[in-house]
């Protein structure tokens, strides 16, 4: 199973990508796109299993393809999540359980994603 998550704003952002086989690659980027920090982690098979179970419980596979607020956005926070070819994106609007999703991803990575 493949995973890609990115969160960005005018001052930078971060992304996590990978799979159970290759582990996770975390990159924190500056406003110009330069890599400020990079970490590769290898979660255990149990951590991966727990992560996928949590995503199922959170209903991540039922998220809409796009989330946008009802008001115009200029320079807001954008995000993208791809799980095995299914993608959800948004700008200043988030799916249900977004915070719990980020907590599960941080737990899988072994550190707080920010």
N, C-alpha and C. Protein backbone atom coordinates (compact mmCIF):
# COMPACT_ATOMS: atom_id res chain seq x y z
N UNK A 1 0.83 -1.18 0.00
CA UNK A 1 0.00 0.00 0.00
C UNK A 1 0.87 1.25 0.00
N UNK A 2 0.53 2.21 -0.82
CA UNK A 2 1.29 3.45 -0.93
C UNK A 2 0.56 4.58 -0.22
N UNK A 3 1.37 5.51 0.28
CA UNK A 3 0.85 6.63 1.05
C UNK A 3 1.60 7.89 0.66
N UNK A 4 0.86 8.99 0.47
CA UNK A 4 1.46 10.30 0.26
C UNK A 4 0.56 11.32 0.94
N UNK A 5 1.15 12.15 1.79
CA UNK A 5 0.42 13.21 2.47
C UNK A 5 1.26 14.47 2.40
N UNK A 6 0.66 15.59 2.01
CA UNK A 6 1.36 16.87 1.96
C UNK A 6 0.47 17.95 2.56
N UNK A 7 1.10 18.85 3.29
CA UNK A 7 0.40 19.98 3.88
C UNK A 7 1.28 21.20 3.65
N UNK A 8 0.73 22.25 3.10
CA UNK A 8 1.55 23.42 2.79
C UNK A 8 0.83 24.73 2.98
N UNK A 9 1.62 25.77 3.14
CA UNK A 9 1.12 27.13 3.31
C UNK A 9 2.19 28.06 2.80
N UNK A 10 1.95 29.36 2.87
CA UNK A 10 2.88 30.33 2.29
C UNK A 10 4.28 30.25 2.89
N UNK A 11 4.39 29.83 4.13
CA UNK A 11 5.70 29.76 4.78
C UNK A 11 6.39 28.42 4.65
N UNK A 12 5.84 27.49 3.90
CA UNK A 12 6.47 26.18 3.74
C UNK A 12 5.45 25.07 3.86
N UNK A 13 5.90 23.95 4.40
CA UNK A 13 5.01 22.81 4.56
C UNK A 13 5.79 21.54 4.76
N UNK A 14 5.11 20.42 4.72
CA UNK A 14 5.77 19.13 4.86
C UNK A 14 5.04 18.08 4.02
N UNK A 15 5.74 16.98 3.80
CA UNK A 15 5.15 15.85 3.07
C UNK A 15 5.71 14.55 3.63
N UNK A 16 4.92 13.52 3.55
CA UNK A 16 5.32 12.17 3.96
C UNK A 16 4.91 11.24 2.83
N UNK A 17 5.82 10.39 2.41
CA UNK A 17 5.49 9.43 1.36
C UNK A 17 6.18 8.11 1.67
N UNK A 18 5.63 7.04 1.10
CA UNK A 18 6.28 5.75 1.26
C UNK A 18 5.31 4.60 1.26
N UNK A 19 5.83 3.48 1.72
CA UNK A 19 5.06 2.24 1.77
C UNK A 19 5.65 1.36 2.87
N UNK A 20 4.95 0.28 3.15
CA UNK A 20 5.44 -0.65 4.16
C UNK A 20 6.80 -1.22 3.78
N UNK A 21 7.01 -1.45 2.50
CA UNK A 21 8.27 -2.04 2.04
C UNK A 21 9.44 -1.07 2.14
N UNK A 22 9.24 0.19 1.76
CA UNK A 22 10.35 1.15 1.71
C UNK A 22 10.44 2.07 2.92
N UNK A 23 9.43 2.05 3.78
CA UNK A 23 9.41 2.96 4.92
C UNK A 23 8.83 4.31 4.51
N UNK A 24 8.95 5.29 5.40
CA UNK A 24 8.41 6.62 5.16
C UNK A 24 9.53 7.64 4.99
N UNK A 25 9.33 8.56 4.09
CA UNK A 25 10.24 9.68 3.90
C UNK A 25 9.48 10.95 4.25
N UNK A 26 9.99 11.68 5.24
CA UNK A 26 9.40 12.95 5.68
C UNK A 26 10.30 14.08 5.19
N UNK A 27 9.68 15.11 4.61
CA UNK A 27 10.42 16.31 4.19
C UNK A 27 9.66 17.54 4.66
N UNK A 28 10.37 18.42 5.35
CA UNK A 28 9.81 19.73 5.70
C UNK A 28 10.45 20.73 4.75
N UNK A 29 9.62 21.57 4.13
CA UNK A 29 10.11 22.49 3.10
C UNK A 29 9.91 23.94 3.51
N UNK A 30 10.81 24.79 3.01
CA UNK A 30 10.71 26.22 3.21
C UNK A 30 9.77 26.83 2.18
N UNK A 31 9.53 28.12 2.31
CA UNK A 31 8.60 28.82 1.40
C UNK A 31 9.05 28.77 -0.05
N UNK A 32 10.34 28.57 -0.27
CA UNK A 32 10.86 28.50 -1.64
C UNK A 32 10.93 27.06 -2.17
N UNK A 33 10.44 26.11 -1.38
CA UNK A 33 10.45 24.71 -1.79
C UNK A 33 11.69 23.95 -1.39
N UNK A 34 12.68 24.65 -0.82
CA UNK A 34 13.91 23.96 -0.40
C UNK A 34 13.62 23.02 0.77
N UNK A 35 14.37 21.93 0.83
CA UNK A 35 14.21 20.95 1.91
C UNK A 35 14.98 21.45 3.13
N UNK A 36 14.24 21.69 4.22
CA UNK A 36 14.84 22.16 5.46
C UNK A 36 15.18 21.00 6.39
N UNK A 37 14.42 19.93 6.28
CA UNK A 37 14.63 18.75 7.12
C UNK A 37 14.16 17.53 6.36
N UNK A 38 14.87 16.43 6.53
CA UNK A 38 14.48 15.18 5.88
C UNK A 38 14.76 14.04 6.84
N UNK A 39 13.80 13.14 6.97
CA UNK A 39 13.95 11.96 7.82
C UNK A 39 13.37 10.75 7.10
N UNK A 40 14.04 9.63 7.24
CA UNK A 40 13.48 8.36 6.76
C UNK A 40 13.28 7.48 7.98
N UNK A 41 12.07 6.95 8.11
CA UNK A 41 11.73 6.08 9.23
C UNK A 41 11.17 4.77 8.69
N UNK A 42 11.31 3.73 9.49
CA UNK A 42 10.84 2.40 9.09
C UNK A 42 9.92 1.85 10.18
N UNK A 43 8.62 2.22 10.12
CA UNK A 43 7.68 1.71 11.12
C UNK A 43 7.61 0.18 11.07
N UNK A 44 7.33 -0.40 12.21
CA UNK A 44 7.22 -1.86 12.31
C UNK A 44 5.96 -2.33 11.58
N UNK A 45 5.90 -3.62 11.24
CA UNK A 45 4.68 -4.16 10.63
C UNK A 45 3.45 -3.96 11.53
N UNK A 46 3.63 -4.05 12.83
CA UNK A 46 2.52 -3.83 13.76
C UNK A 46 2.05 -2.38 13.69
N UNK A 47 2.98 -1.43 13.61
CA UNK A 47 2.62 -0.01 13.51
C UNK A 47 1.84 0.25 12.22
N UNK A 48 2.27 -0.36 11.13
CA UNK A 48 1.54 -0.20 9.86
C UNK A 48 0.14 -0.78 9.97
N UNK A 49 0.03 -1.98 10.52
CA UNK A 49 -1.28 -2.62 10.66
C UNK A 49 -2.21 -1.74 11.48
N UNK A 50 -1.71 -1.22 12.61
CA UNK A 50 -2.51 -0.34 13.46
C UNK A 50 -2.93 0.93 12.72
N UNK A 51 -2.03 1.47 11.91
CA UNK A 51 -2.32 2.67 11.13
C UNK A 51 -3.46 2.41 10.15
N UNK A 52 -3.39 1.32 9.39
CA UNK A 52 -4.44 1.03 8.42
C UNK A 52 -5.77 0.78 9.10
N UNK A 53 -5.75 0.12 10.26
CA UNK A 53 -6.98 -0.11 11.02
C UNK A 53 -7.58 1.23 11.45
N UNK A 54 -6.74 2.14 11.95
CA UNK A 54 -7.23 3.46 12.36
C UNK A 54 -7.82 4.22 11.18
N UNK A 55 -7.17 4.16 10.02
CA UNK A 55 -7.71 4.86 8.85
C UNK A 55 -9.08 4.31 8.47
N UNK A 56 -9.24 3.00 8.57
CA UNK A 56 -10.55 2.40 8.29
C UNK A 56 -11.60 2.88 9.27
N UNK A 57 -11.24 2.95 10.55
CA UNK A 57 -12.18 3.42 11.57
C UNK A 57 -12.52 4.90 11.38
N UNK A 58 -11.59 5.67 10.87
CA UNK A 58 -11.81 7.10 10.65
C UNK A 58 -12.60 7.38 9.37
N UNK A 59 -12.75 6.38 8.52
CA UNK A 59 -13.49 6.57 7.27
C UNK A 59 -12.72 7.35 6.22
N UNK A 60 -11.40 7.29 6.26
CA UNK A 60 -10.57 8.04 5.32
C UNK A 60 -10.88 7.66 3.87
N UNK A 61 -11.20 6.41 3.62
CA UNK A 61 -11.47 5.98 2.24
C UNK A 61 -12.80 6.53 1.71
N UNK A 62 -13.58 7.14 2.60
CA UNK A 62 -14.85 7.75 2.19
C UNK A 62 -14.76 9.27 2.04
N UNK A 63 -13.57 9.82 2.21
CA UNK A 63 -13.42 11.27 2.06
C UNK A 63 -13.78 11.69 0.65
N UNK A 64 -14.26 12.92 0.53
CA UNK A 64 -14.55 13.50 -0.77
C UNK A 64 -13.25 13.75 -1.53
N UNK A 65 -13.34 13.93 -2.83
CA UNK A 65 -12.15 14.19 -3.64
C UNK A 65 -11.59 15.59 -3.37
N UNK A 66 -12.46 16.56 -3.03
CA UNK A 66 -12.01 17.95 -2.85
C UNK A 66 -12.80 18.62 -1.73
N UNK A 67 -12.07 19.36 -0.89
CA UNK A 67 -12.68 20.14 0.19
C UNK A 67 -12.28 21.61 0.02
N UNK A 68 -13.29 22.48 0.00
CA UNK A 68 -13.05 23.92 -0.12
C UNK A 68 -14.01 24.65 0.80
N UNK A 69 -13.59 25.77 1.37
CA UNK A 69 -14.51 26.55 2.19
C UNK A 69 -15.50 27.30 1.31
N UNK A 70 -16.53 27.83 1.94
CA UNK A 70 -17.54 28.59 1.20
C UNK A 70 -17.08 30.00 0.89
N UNK A 71 -15.98 30.42 1.50
CA UNK A 71 -15.47 31.78 1.28
C UNK A 71 -14.23 31.72 0.37
N UNK A 72 -13.88 32.81 -0.29
CA UNK A 72 -12.69 32.83 -1.16
C UNK A 72 -11.41 32.67 -0.32
N UNK A 73 -10.44 31.95 -0.87
CA UNK A 73 -9.18 31.71 -0.18
C UNK A 73 -8.05 32.38 -0.93
N UNK A 74 -7.20 33.04 -0.19
CA UNK A 74 -6.00 33.65 -0.78
C UNK A 74 -4.83 33.34 0.13
N UNK A 75 -3.98 32.42 -0.29
CA UNK A 75 -2.80 32.08 0.50
C UNK A 75 -3.08 31.21 1.70
N UNK A 76 -4.07 30.34 1.62
CA UNK A 76 -4.42 29.47 2.73
C UNK A 76 -3.57 28.21 2.79
N UNK A 77 -3.99 27.29 3.62
CA UNK A 77 -3.31 26.01 3.78
C UNK A 77 -3.90 25.00 2.80
N UNK A 78 -3.05 24.38 2.02
CA UNK A 78 -3.47 23.35 1.08
C UNK A 78 -2.97 22.00 1.57
N UNK A 79 -3.65 20.95 1.17
CA UNK A 79 -3.23 19.61 1.57
C UNK A 79 -3.65 18.61 0.50
N UNK A 80 -2.99 17.46 0.53
CA UNK A 80 -3.32 16.35 -0.37
C UNK A 80 -3.02 15.05 0.34
N UNK A 81 -3.89 14.07 0.16
CA UNK A 81 -3.69 12.73 0.70
C UNK A 81 -3.95 11.75 -0.44
N UNK A 82 -2.99 10.89 -0.71
CA UNK A 82 -3.16 9.81 -1.69
C UNK A 82 -2.90 8.49 -0.99
N UNK A 83 -3.85 7.61 -1.08
CA UNK A 83 -3.74 6.26 -0.52
C UNK A 83 -4.07 5.27 -1.62
N UNK A 84 -3.09 4.56 -2.09
CA UNK A 84 -3.31 3.54 -3.11
C UNK A 84 -4.10 4.04 -4.31
N UNK A 85 -3.73 5.20 -4.81
CA UNK A 85 -4.35 5.74 -6.01
C UNK A 85 -5.59 6.59 -5.77
N UNK A 86 -6.15 6.56 -4.57
CA UNK A 86 -7.31 7.41 -4.25
C UNK A 86 -6.79 8.70 -3.64
N UNK A 87 -7.31 9.84 -4.11
CA UNK A 87 -6.79 11.13 -3.65
C UNK A 87 -7.90 12.03 -3.13
N UNK A 88 -7.57 12.75 -2.05
CA UNK A 88 -8.40 13.84 -1.53
C UNK A 88 -7.51 15.06 -1.39
N UNK A 89 -8.05 16.23 -1.70
CA UNK A 89 -7.29 17.47 -1.57
C UNK A 89 -8.17 18.54 -0.96
N UNK A 90 -7.54 19.62 -0.52
CA UNK A 90 -8.33 20.71 0.02
C UNK A 90 -7.51 21.97 0.21
N UNK A 91 -8.24 23.04 0.45
CA UNK A 91 -7.62 24.33 0.73
C UNK A 91 -8.46 25.03 1.80
N UNK A 92 -7.88 25.14 2.98
CA UNK A 92 -8.56 25.74 4.14
C UNK A 92 -9.88 25.07 4.49
N UNK A 93 -10.06 23.84 4.11
CA UNK A 93 -11.22 23.03 4.48
C UNK A 93 -10.75 21.58 4.58
N UNK A 94 -11.30 20.85 5.54
CA UNK A 94 -10.78 19.52 5.85
C UNK A 94 -11.91 18.51 6.00
N UNK A 95 -11.61 17.25 5.76
CA UNK A 95 -12.61 16.21 5.95
C UNK A 95 -12.83 15.93 7.44
N UNK A 96 -13.89 15.20 7.74
CA UNK A 96 -14.11 14.80 9.13
C UNK A 96 -12.90 14.01 9.65
N UNK A 97 -12.63 14.14 10.90
CA UNK A 97 -11.54 13.38 11.54
C UNK A 97 -10.15 13.75 11.04
N UNK A 98 -9.97 14.93 10.46
CA UNK A 98 -8.67 15.35 9.95
C UNK A 98 -7.59 15.32 11.04
N UNK A 99 -7.92 15.86 12.21
CA UNK A 99 -6.95 15.90 13.31
C UNK A 99 -6.58 14.49 13.75
N UNK A 100 -7.56 13.60 13.84
CA UNK A 100 -7.28 12.21 14.23
C UNK A 100 -6.43 11.53 13.16
N UNK A 101 -6.66 11.85 11.89
CA UNK A 101 -5.82 11.31 10.81
C UNK A 101 -4.37 11.74 10.98
N UNK A 102 -4.14 13.04 11.24
CA UNK A 102 -2.77 13.53 11.43
C UNK A 102 -2.12 12.90 12.67
N UNK A 103 -2.91 12.67 13.71
CA UNK A 103 -2.38 12.01 14.90
C UNK A 103 -1.96 10.58 14.58
N UNK A 104 -2.77 9.86 13.82
CA UNK A 104 -2.43 8.49 13.42
C UNK A 104 -1.17 8.46 12.56
N UNK A 105 -1.05 9.43 11.64
CA UNK A 105 0.13 9.51 10.79
C UNK A 105 1.38 9.84 11.60
N UNK A 106 1.25 10.76 12.55
CA UNK A 106 2.37 11.10 13.43
C UNK A 106 2.80 9.89 14.26
N UNK A 107 1.83 9.15 14.74
CA UNK A 107 2.13 7.94 15.50
C UNK A 107 2.87 6.92 14.64
N UNK A 108 2.46 6.75 13.41
CA UNK A 108 3.13 5.84 12.50
C UNK A 108 4.58 6.30 12.25
N UNK A 109 4.76 7.59 12.03
CA UNK A 109 6.09 8.13 11.75
C UNK A 109 6.99 8.10 12.98
N UNK A 110 6.39 8.17 14.16
CA UNK A 110 7.18 8.14 15.39
C UNK A 110 7.56 9.51 15.89
N UNK A 111 7.00 10.57 15.29
CA UNK A 111 7.25 11.93 15.76
C UNK A 111 6.09 12.81 15.27
N UNK A 112 5.94 13.97 15.90
CA UNK A 112 4.85 14.89 15.56
C UNK A 112 5.14 15.57 14.23
N UNK A 113 4.25 15.40 13.30
CA UNK A 113 4.40 16.01 11.98
C UNK A 113 3.91 17.44 12.05
N UNK A 114 4.81 18.37 11.68
CA UNK A 114 4.45 19.79 11.68
C UNK A 114 5.31 20.55 10.71
